[in-house]
Amino acid sequence: MLAPSTHRGIRDGVVEAPGYFALKLGGMTAMGALLVHLLYGLIVGGLYKSFS
């Protein structure tokens, strides 16, 4: 089900898959990805609340 949506580089074997929550790329990368997602959620949630 996820195969068609996989990044082309990962499908072709050019880029290594980052793993679950990008843990194969190191702890700081996983923490950064989590923080960016939380920040995005706060911004979009705030905008959604202000426009509704």
PDB file of N, CA and C in Angstrom:
ATOM      1  N   MET A   1       0.817  -1.187   0.000  1.00  0.00           N
ATOM      2  CA  MET A   1       0.000   0.000   0.000  1.00  0.00           C
ATOM      3  C   MET A   1       0.867   1.258   0.000  1.00  0.00           C
ATOM      4  N   LEU A   2       1.988   1.236   0.720  1.00  0.00           N
ATOM      5  CA  LEU A   2       2.852   2.413   0.782  1.00  0.00           C
ATOM      6  C   LEU A   2       3.855   2.483  -0.361  1.00  0.00           C
ATOM      7  N   ALA A   3       4.053   1.385  -1.068  1.00  0.00           N
ATOM      8  CA  ALA A   3       5.073   1.352  -2.121  1.00  0.00           C
ATOM      9  C   ALA A   3       4.905   2.440  -3.178  1.00  0.00           C
ATOM     10  N   PRO A   4       3.705   2.731  -3.684  1.00  0.00           N
ATOM     11  CA  PRO A   4       3.589   3.794  -4.697  1.00  0.00           C
ATOM     12  C   PRO A   4       3.935   5.178  -4.150  1.00  0.00           C
ATOM     13  N   SER A   5       3.775   5.386  -2.850  1.00  0.00           N
ATOM     14  CA  SER A   5       4.046   6.709  -2.296  1.00  0.00           C
ATOM     15  C   SER A   5       5.475   6.850  -1.778  1.00  0.00           C
ATOM     16  N   THR A   6       6.260   5.798  -1.881  1.00  0.00           N
ATOM     17  CA  THR A   6       7.640   5.845  -1.401  1.00  0.00           C
ATOM     18  C   THR A   6       8.478   6.754  -2.292  1.00  0.00           C
ATOM     19  N   HIS A   7       9.403   7.467  -1.680  1.00  0.00           N
ATOM     20  CA  HIS A   7      10.310   8.343  -2.404  1.00  0.00           C
ATOM     21  C   HIS A   7      11.034   7.547  -3.490  1.00  0.00           C
ATOM     22  N   ARG A   8      11.172   8.122  -4.656  1.00  0.00           N
ATOM     23  CA  ARG A   8      11.756   7.409  -5.793  1.00  0.00           C
ATOM     24  C   ARG A   8      13.181   6.939  -5.506  1.00  0.00           C
ATOM     25  N   GLY A   9      13.964   7.750  -4.824  1.00  0.00           N
ATOM     26  CA  GLY A   9      15.335   7.352  -4.499  1.00  0.00           C
ATOM     27  C   GLY A   9      15.391   6.131  -3.599  1.00  0.00           C
ATOM     28  N   ILE A  10      14.438   6.016  -2.690  1.00  0.00           N
ATOM     29  CA  ILE A  10      14.376   4.849  -1.805  1.00  0.00           C
ATOM     30  C   ILE A  10      13.953   3.625  -2.606  1.00  0.00           C
ATOM     31  N   ARG A  11      12.952   3.782  -3.484  1.00  0.00           N
ATOM     32  CA  ARG A  11      12.501   2.662  -4.316  1.00  0.00           C
ATOM     33  C   ARG A  11      13.625   2.142  -5.199  1.00  0.00           C
ATOM     34  N   ASP A  12      14.413   3.058  -5.780  1.00  0.00           N
ATOM     35  CA  ASP A  12      15.485   2.660  -6.700  1.00  0.00           C
ATOM     36  C   ASP A  12      16.740   2.207  -5.980  1.00  0.00           C
ATOM     37  N   GLY A  13      16.799   2.367  -4.668  1.00  0.00           N
ATOM     38  CA  GLY A  13      17.962   1.942  -3.902  1.00  0.00           C
ATOM     39  C   GLY A  13      19.084   2.957  -3.877  1.00  0.00           C
ATOM     40  N   VAL A  14      18.847   4.171  -4.360  1.00  0.00           N
ATOM     41  CA  VAL A  14      19.863   5.220  -4.383  1.00  0.00           C
ATOM     42  C   VAL A  14      20.017   5.845  -2.997  1.00  0.00           C
ATOM     43  N   VAL A  15      18.898   6.005  -2.291  1.00  0.00           N
ATOM     44  CA  VAL A  15      18.876   6.618  -0.969  1.00  0.00           C
ATOM     45  C   VAL A  15      18.419   5.567   0.033  1.00  0.00           C
ATOM     46  N   GLU A  16      19.121   5.485   1.166  1.00  0.00           N
ATOM     47  CA  GLU A  16      18.722   4.532   2.208  1.00  0.00           C
ATOM     48  C   GLU A  16      17.475   5.050   2.919  1.00  0.00           C
ATOM     49  N   ALA A  17      16.558   4.154   3.224  1.00  0.00           N
ATOM     50  CA  ALA A  17      15.342   4.524   3.940  1.00  0.00           C
ATOM     51  C   ALA A  17      15.715   5.030   5.340  1.00  0.00           C
ATOM     52  N   PRO A  18      15.123   6.137   5.781  1.00  0.00           N
ATOM     53  CA  PRO A  18      15.481   6.713   7.074  1.00  0.00           C
ATOM     54  C   PRO A  18      14.966   5.920   8.269  1.00  0.00           C
ATOM     55  N   GLY A  19      14.059   4.994   8.054  1.00  0.00           N
ATOM     56  CA  GLY A  19      13.523   4.195   9.147  1.00  0.00           C
ATOM     57  C   GLY A  19      12.366   4.888   9.845  1.00  0.00           C
ATOM     58  N   TYR A  20      11.840   4.227  10.835  1.00  0.00           N
ATOM     59  CA  TYR A  20      10.697   4.729  11.592  1.00  0.00           C
ATOM     60  C   TYR A  20      11.096   5.983  12.354  1.00  0.00           C
ATOM     61  N   PHE A  21      10.392   7.074  12.147  1.00  0.00           N
ATOM     62  CA  PHE A  21      10.682   8.375  12.757  1.00  0.00           C
ATOM     63  C   PHE A  21      12.103   8.852  12.457  1.00  0.00           C
ATOM     64  N   ALA A  22      12.684   8.427  11.350  1.00  0.00           N
ATOM     65  CA  ALA A  22      14.033   8.819  10.909  1.00  0.00           C
ATOM     66  C   ALA A  22      15.097   8.460  11.929  1.00  0.00           C
ATOM     67  N   LEU A  23      14.895   7.370  12.673  1.00  0.00           N
ATOM     68  CA  LEU A  23      15.847   6.990  13.717  1.00  0.00           C
ATOM     69  C   LEU A  23      17.180   6.508  13.158  1.00  0.00           C
ATOM     70  N   LYS A  24      17.212   6.045  11.919  1.00  0.00           N
ATOM     71  CA  LYS A  24      18.475   5.606  11.319  1.00  0.00           C
ATOM     72  C   LYS A  24      19.398   6.788  11.017  1.00  0.00           C
ATOM     73  N   LEU A  25      18.868   7.994  11.055  1.00  0.00           N
ATOM     74  CA  LEU A  25      19.666   9.183  10.762  1.00  0.00           C
ATOM     75  C   LEU A  25      20.239   9.823  12.020  1.00  0.00           C
ATOM     76  N   GLY A  26      19.969   9.238  13.162  1.00  0.00           N
ATOM     77  CA  GLY A  26      20.505   9.771  14.416  1.00  0.00           C
ATOM     78  C   GLY A  26      19.416  10.375  15.291  1.00  0.00           C
ATOM     79  N   GLY A  27      19.702  10.434  16.572  1.00  0.00           N
ATOM     80  CA  GLY A  27      18.734  10.930  17.538  1.00  0.00           C
ATOM     81  C   GLY A  27      18.385  12.392  17.356  1.00  0.00           C
ATOM     82  N   MET A  28      19.367  13.210  17.008  1.00  0.00           N
ATOM     83  CA  MET A  28      19.113  14.641  16.830  1.00  0.00           C
ATOM     84  C   MET A  28      18.182  14.888  15.638  1.00  0.00           C
ATOM     85  N   THR A  29      18.333  14.105  14.587  1.00  0.00           N
ATOM     86  CA  THR A  29      17.455  14.253  13.427  1.00  0.00           C
ATOM     87  C   THR A  29      16.028  13.873  13.788  1.00  0.00           C
ATOM     88  N   ALA A  30      15.863  12.784  14.516  1.00  0.00           N
ATOM     89  CA  ALA A  30      14.529  12.358  14.934  1.00  0.00           C
ATOM     90  C   ALA A  30      13.897  13.409  15.853  1.00  0.00           C
ATOM     91  N   MET A  31      14.679  13.957  16.774  1.00  0.00           N
ATOM     92  CA  MET A  31      14.155  14.983  17.677  1.00  0.00           C
ATOM     93  C   MET A  31      13.805  16.257  16.895  1.00  0.00           C
ATOM     94  N   GLY A  32      14.630  16.614  15.946  1.00  0.00           N
ATOM     95  CA  GLY A  32      14.355  17.785  15.116  1.00  0.00           C
ATOM     96  C   GLY A  32      13.089  17.603  14.293  1.00  0.00           C
ATOM     97  N   ALA A  33      12.904  16.408  13.734  1.00  0.00           N
ATOM     98  CA  ALA A  33      11.695  16.137  12.953  1.00  0.00           C
ATOM     99  C   ALA A  33      10.457  16.224  13.846  1.00  0.00           C
ATOM    100  N   LEU A  34      10.560  15.717  15.057  1.00  0.00           N
ATOM    101  CA  LEU A  34       9.439  15.791  15.992  1.00  0.00           C
ATOM    102  C   LEU A  34       9.118  17.245  16.345  1.00  0.00           C
ATOM    103  N   LEU A  35      10.143  18.035  16.627  1.00  0.00           N
ATOM    104  CA  LEU A  35       9.930  19.433  16.987  1.00  0.00           C
ATOM    105  C   LEU A  35       9.344  20.241  15.833  1.00  0.00           C
ATOM    106  N   VAL A  36       9.805  19.975  14.618  1.00  0.00           N
ATOM    107  CA  VAL A  36       9.269  20.682  13.454  1.00  0.00           C
ATOM    108  C   VAL A  36       7.800  20.324  13.251  1.00  0.00           C
ATOM    109  N   HIS A  37       7.439  19.060  13.443  1.00  0.00           N
ATOM    110  CA  HIS A  37       6.044  18.660  13.305  1.00  0.00           C
ATOM    111  C   HIS A  37       5.176  19.306  14.382  1.00  0.00           C
ATOM    112  N   LEU A  38       5.682  19.387  15.599  1.00  0.00           N
ATOM    113  CA  LEU A  38       4.926  20.039  16.667  1.00  0.00           C
ATOM    114  C   LEU A  38       4.744  21.528  16.387  1.00  0.00           C
ATOM    115  N   LEU A  39       5.799  22.179  15.930  1.00  0.00           N
ATOM    116  CA  LEU A  39       5.725  23.592  15.593  1.00  0.00           C
ATOM    117  C   LEU A  39       4.721  23.831  14.464  1.00  0.00           C
ATOM    118  N   TYR A  40       4.767  22.995  13.451  1.00  0.00           N
ATOM    119  CA  TYR A  40       3.820  23.087  12.341  1.00  0.00           C
ATOM    120  C   TYR A  40       2.386  22.948  12.854  1.00  0.00           C
ATOM    121  N   GLY A  41       2.157  21.978  13.721  1.00  0.00           N
ATOM    122  CA  GLY A  41       0.826  21.770  14.277  1.00  0.00           C
ATOM    123  C   GLY A  41       0.341  22.963  15.073  1.00  0.00           C
ATOM    124  N   LEU A  42       1.239  23.570  15.835  1.00  0.00           N
ATOM    125  CA  LEU A  42       0.858  24.759  16.599  1.00  0.00           C
ATOM    126  C   LEU A  42       0.494  25.926  15.687  1.00  0.00           C
ATOM    127  N   ILE A  43       1.277  26.131  14.651  1.00  0.00           N
ATOM    128  CA  ILE A  43       1.013  27.242  13.720  1.00  0.00           C
ATOM    129  C   ILE A  43      -0.288  27.014  12.966  1.00  0.00           C
ATOM    130  N   VAL A  44      -0.434  25.835  12.376  1.00  0.00           N
ATOM    131  CA  VAL A  44      -1.645  25.554  11.599  1.00  0.00           C
ATOM    132  C   VAL A  44      -2.865  25.530  12.513  1.00  0.00           C
ATOM    133  N   GLY A  45      -2.730  24.956  13.708  1.00  0.00           N
ATOM    134  CA  GLY A  45      -3.837  24.944  14.650  1.00  0.00           C
ATOM    135  C   GLY A  45      -4.236  26.352  15.075  1.00  0.00           C
ATOM    136  N   GLY A  46      -3.248  27.222  15.300  1.00  0.00           N
ATOM    137  CA  GLY A  46      -3.538  28.600  15.655  1.00  0.00           C
ATOM    138  C   GLY A  46      -4.223  29.348  14.527  1.00  0.00           C
ATOM    139  N   LEU A  47      -3.753  29.137  13.302  1.00  0.00           N
ATOM    140  CA  LEU A  47      -4.392  29.779  12.163  1.00  0.00           C
ATOM    141  C   LEU A  47      -5.792  29.265  11.956  1.00  0.00           C
ATOM    142  N   TYR A  48      -5.987  27.971  12.121  1.00  0.00           N
ATOM    143  CA  TYR A  48      -7.303  27.384  11.947  1.00  0.00           C
ATOM    144  C   TYR A  48      -8.279  27.976  12.970  1.00  0.00           C
ATOM    145  N   LYS A  49      -7.801  28.096  14.200  1.00  0.00           N
ATOM    146  CA  LYS A  49      -8.652  28.629  15.258  1.00  0.00           C
ATOM    147  C   LYS A  49      -8.967  30.113  15.004  1.00  0.00           C
ATOM    148  N   SER A  50      -8.000  30.859  14.504  1.00  0.00           N
ATOM    149  CA  SER A  50      -8.223  32.291  14.292  1.00  0.00           C
ATOM    150  C   SER A  50      -9.151  32.576  13.092  1.00  0.00           C
ATOM    151  N   PHE A  51      -9.186  31.673  12.115  1.00  0.00           N
ATOM    152  CA  PHE A  51     -10.032  31.878  10.940  1.00  0.00           C
ATOM    153  C   PHE A  51     -11.396  31.210  11.052  1.00  0.00           C
ATOM    154  N   SER A  52     -11.611  30.416  12.081  1.00  0.00           N
ATOM    155  CA  SER A  52     -12.904  29.737  12.200  1.00  0.00           C
ATOM    156  C   SER A  52     -13.855  30.459  13.119  1.00  0.00           C
TER     157      SER A  52
END
